[in-house]
Amino acid sequence: FDLLLTGEIFTKGSWGVNAASTYAKRYKYSGNVSLSYLVTKNGEKGLPDYAVGKNFRVQWSHRQDAKAMPNTNFSASVNFSSSGYTKYGSQTMDEYLNTQTNSSISYSKSWPGKPYSFSTNLQHSQNSRDSTISLSLPNVVFNVSKIFPFKRKEAVGKQRWYEKISLSYTGTLANNVTVKEDKLFTEEMFKK
């Protein structure tokens, strides 16, 4: 793994810090993570338009090697920030103009020789223009593929009618919420 720390400071007292890391474990997983915190001061102190903004951004990408655990998979693609970060912390014009960010974290598992499978994921969508955040968590799916519960382990003679009865099952759990950013993140979180 590596670690890169950078900072920025501006003449009117605005400042920011950034930490970025790329990591990898051979034949297991790899990814990168970036954390940013930005304090912006707009206007002149003592005037009515003076404002101090505290914003952050979290970016994380994680990939699992398919050979590491063939029956289990975990992946993440996270791009989450406060709405003010896009306005004041963008480094390029594309970042500034992009008002929509999305994230996804997923996990799935299957059992060899068994008819079961399980998956869960978290979805995030954010509009920095109107500071709306949509979260879908957790989304869970449990699946049982076709089984024949009355089939004899050692068949003798002709197959009986009830041995042809099959069952399958899919259970889904979903939870969705849409909220404004100021309801999810309160000012008290950033006071310390």
Protein backbone atom coordinates (compact mmCIF):
# COMPACT_ATOMS: atom_id res chain seq x y z
CA PHE A 1 0.00 0.00 0.00
CA ASP A 2 1.01 3.62 -0.30
CA LEU A 3 -0.15 6.86 1.28
CA LEU A 4 -0.20 10.37 -0.13
CA LEU A 5 -1.03 13.35 2.11
CA THR A 6 -1.62 16.78 0.58
CA GLY A 7 -2.95 20.08 1.82
CA GLU A 8 -4.07 23.40 0.45
CA ILE A 9 -4.39 26.85 1.96
CA PHE A 10 -5.83 30.05 0.53
CA THR A 11 -5.28 33.73 1.28
CA LYS A 12 -8.65 34.34 2.97
CA GLY A 13 -8.17 31.42 5.37
CA SER A 14 -9.77 28.57 3.45
CA TRP A 15 -7.89 25.27 3.75
CA GLY A 16 -8.18 21.59 2.92
CA VAL A 17 -6.48 18.26 3.60
CA ASN A 18 -6.46 15.12 1.48
CA ALA A 19 -5.32 11.55 2.10
CA ALA A 20 -5.11 9.00 -0.70
CA SER A 21 -3.98 5.38 -0.64
CA THR A 22 -3.73 2.55 -3.14
CA TYR A 23 -3.58 -0.96 -1.71
CA ALA A 24 -3.29 -4.50 -2.99
CA LYS A 25 -2.81 -8.01 -1.66
CA ARG A 26 -1.60 -10.33 -4.37
CA TYR A 27 -4.20 -12.87 -5.52
CA LYS A 28 -6.69 -11.49 -2.96
CA TYR A 29 -7.87 -7.92 -3.55
CA SER A 30 -6.89 -4.41 -4.62
CA GLY A 31 -8.32 -0.94 -4.41
CA ASN A 32 -7.85 2.70 -3.57
CA VAL A 33 -9.30 5.14 -1.07
CA SER A 34 -9.32 8.94 -0.93
CA LEU A 35 -10.53 11.17 1.93
CA SER A 36 -10.83 14.95 1.66
CA TYR A 37 -11.91 17.66 4.10
CA LEU A 38 -12.32 21.28 3.05
CA VAL A 39 -13.05 24.46 5.02
CA THR A 40 -14.05 27.40 2.81
CA LYS A 41 -14.42 31.01 3.87
CA ASN A 42 -16.41 33.25 1.54
CA GLY A 43 -16.74 37.00 1.73
CA GLU A 44 -15.12 39.35 4.23
CA LYS A 45 -15.33 38.70 7.96
CA GLY A 46 -17.82 41.05 9.61
CA LEU A 47 -19.90 41.54 6.46
CA PRO A 48 -23.38 39.96 6.01
CA ASP A 49 -22.29 37.70 3.13
CA TYR A 50 -19.45 36.11 5.14
CA ALA A 51 -19.87 32.34 5.42
CA VAL A 52 -17.75 29.39 6.49
CA GLY A 53 -18.44 26.02 4.84
CA LYS A 54 -17.16 22.61 5.97
CA ASN A 55 -17.29 19.90 3.31
CA PHE A 56 -15.92 16.42 2.77
CA ARG A 57 -15.56 13.71 0.14
CA VAL A 58 -14.99 9.95 0.43
CA GLN A 59 -13.99 7.88 -2.58
CA TRP A 60 -13.33 4.14 -2.35
CA SER A 61 -12.91 1.45 -4.96
CA HIS A 62 -12.35 -2.19 -3.99
CA ARG A 63 -12.00 -5.25 -6.22
CA GLN A 64 -11.68 -8.88 -5.18
CA ASP A 65 -9.64 -11.35 -7.21
CA ALA A 66 -12.07 -13.94 -8.58
CA LYS A 67 -9.64 -16.76 -7.71
CA ALA A 68 -9.30 -15.71 -4.06
CA MET A 69 -12.72 -16.95 -2.96
CA PRO A 70 -14.57 -18.45 -5.94
CA ASN A 71 -17.91 -18.67 -4.11
CA THR A 72 -17.79 -15.27 -2.43
CA ASN A 73 -17.52 -11.83 -3.96
CA PHE A 74 -17.21 -8.37 -2.42
CA SER A 75 -16.87 -5.14 -4.38
CA ALA A 76 -17.24 -1.46 -3.67
CA SER A 77 -17.41 1.73 -5.69
CA VAL A 78 -18.05 4.66 -3.37
CA ASN A 79 -18.20 8.33 -4.35
CA PHE A 80 -19.84 10.27 -1.53
CA SER A 81 -19.49 13.94 -0.65
CA SER A 82 -21.29 16.89 0.85
CA SER A 83 -22.99 19.05 -1.78
CA GLY A 84 -20.71 22.00 -1.07
CA TYR A 85 -17.62 19.97 -1.92
CA THR A 86 -18.57 19.88 -5.60
CA LYS A 87 -18.92 23.65 -5.62
CA TYR A 88 -15.78 24.56 -3.66
CA GLY A 89 -13.48 21.54 -3.88
CA SER A 90 -13.64 20.60 -7.56
CA GLN A 91 -10.26 20.43 -9.27
CA THR A 92 -11.54 20.23 -12.86
CA MET A 93 -14.44 21.66 -14.84
CA ASP A 94 -15.89 18.15 -15.28
CA GLU A 95 -15.99 17.67 -11.49
CA TYR A 96 -17.68 21.05 -11.04
CA LEU A 97 -20.36 20.39 -13.67
CA ASN A 98 -21.10 16.83 -12.49
CA THR A 99 -24.01 17.20 -10.05
CA GLN A 100 -24.83 13.48 -9.75
CA THR A 101 -22.72 10.97 -7.79
CA ASN A 102 -23.42 7.28 -7.20
CA SER A 103 -22.07 4.53 -4.97
CA SER A 104 -22.50 0.79 -4.79
CA ILE A 105 -21.28 -1.83 -2.31
CA SER A 106 -22.18 -5.47 -2.93
CA TYR A 107 -21.57 -8.88 -1.40
CA SER A 108 -22.64 -12.27 -2.71
CA LYS A 109 -22.10 -15.88 -1.63
CA SER A 110 -23.03 -19.28 -2.94
CA TRP A 111 -22.47 -22.72 -1.41
CA PRO A 112 -20.91 -25.41 -3.63
CA GLY A 113 -23.16 -28.45 -3.93
CA LYS A 114 -26.01 -26.62 -2.21
CA PRO A 115 -28.97 -24.91 -3.89
CA TYR A 116 -28.60 -21.72 -1.82
CA SER A 117 -27.27 -18.30 -2.79
CA PHE A 118 -27.25 -14.98 -0.98
CA SER A 119 -26.56 -11.42 -2.09
CA THR A 120 -26.83 -8.00 -0.55
CA ASN A 121 -26.00 -4.52 -1.75
CA LEU A 122 -26.13 -0.86 -0.82
CA GLN A 123 -26.87 1.82 -3.40
CA HIS A 124 -26.37 5.56 -3.03
CA SER A 125 -27.36 8.36 -5.38
CA GLN A 126 -26.76 12.02 -4.64
CA ASN A 127 -27.69 15.25 -6.40
CA SER A 128 -25.42 18.11 -5.29
CA ARG A 129 -27.63 20.73 -6.97
CA ASP A 130 -30.62 20.22 -4.63
CA SER A 131 -28.68 18.25 -1.92
CA THR A 132 -30.96 15.21 -2.20
CA ILE A 133 -29.57 11.82 -1.15
CA SER A 134 -31.25 8.54 -2.06
CA LEU A 135 -30.14 5.45 -0.16
CA SER A 136 -31.14 1.88 -0.85
CA LEU A 137 -29.94 -0.27 2.03
CA PRO A 138 -29.93 -3.03 2.62
CA ASN A 139 -31.15 -4.85 -0.46
CA VAL A 140 -31.00 -8.55 0.36
CA VAL A 141 -31.85 -11.53 -1.84
CA PHE A 142 -31.85 -15.14 -0.66
CA ASN A 143 -32.43 -17.73 -3.34
CA VAL A 144 -33.06 -21.48 -3.24
CA SER A 145 -32.89 -23.03 -6.68
CA LYS A 146 -35.11 -25.94 -7.72
CA ILE A 147 -35.07 -28.86 -5.31
CA PHE A 148 -37.03 -32.13 -5.22
CA PRO A 149 -37.83 -32.67 -1.53
CA PHE A 150 -39.66 -36.00 -2.00
CA LYS A 151 -37.18 -37.65 -4.32
CA ARG A 152 -35.75 -40.88 -2.93
CA LYS A 153 -32.00 -41.02 -2.42
CA GLU A 154 -31.90 -44.54 -3.77
CA ALA A 155 -34.56 -44.98 -6.42
CA VAL A 156 -36.01 -48.48 -6.75
CA GLY A 157 -38.48 -49.10 -9.52
CA LYS A 158 -40.39 -46.45 -11.41
CA GLN A 159 -40.35 -42.81 -10.40
CA ARG A 160 -43.41 -41.95 -8.37
CA TRP A 161 -45.60 -38.91 -9.14
CA TYR A 162 -44.73 -37.05 -5.94
CA GLU A 163 -41.02 -37.33 -6.67
CA LYS A 164 -41.56 -34.92 -9.55
CA ILE A 165 -42.73 -32.17 -7.18
CA SER A 166 -40.15 -29.39 -7.05
CA LEU A 167 -39.74 -26.30 -4.92
CA SER A 168 -37.83 -23.07 -5.39
CA TYR A 169 -37.75 -19.93 -3.29
CA THR A 170 -36.63 -16.33 -3.60
CA GLY A 171 -36.84 -13.93 -0.68
CA THR A 172 -36.18 -10.22 -1.14
CA LEU A 173 -35.77 -7.47 1.43
CA ALA A 174 -35.49 -3.84 0.30
CA ASN A 175 -35.35 -0.54 2.12
CA ASN A 176 -35.22 2.86 0.39
CA VAL A 177 -34.99 6.38 1.76
CA THR A 178 -34.67 9.80 0.14
CA VAL A 179 -33.59 12.68 2.35
CA LYS A 180 -32.06 16.12 2.17
CA GLU A 181 -28.38 16.31 3.10
CA ASP A 182 -28.95 18.63 6.07
CA LYS A 183 -31.25 16.03 7.65
CA LEU A 184 -28.62 13.30 7.30
CA PHE A 185 -25.57 15.35 8.30
CA THR A 186 -26.05 17.83 11.12
CA GLU A 187 -23.78 20.77 11.93
CA GLU A 188 -22.83 19.13 15.25
CA MET A 189 -20.93 16.42 13.34
CA PHE A 190 -18.35 18.98 12.17
CA LYS A 191 -18.01 21.22 15.22
CA LYS A 192 -15.14 19.30 16.79
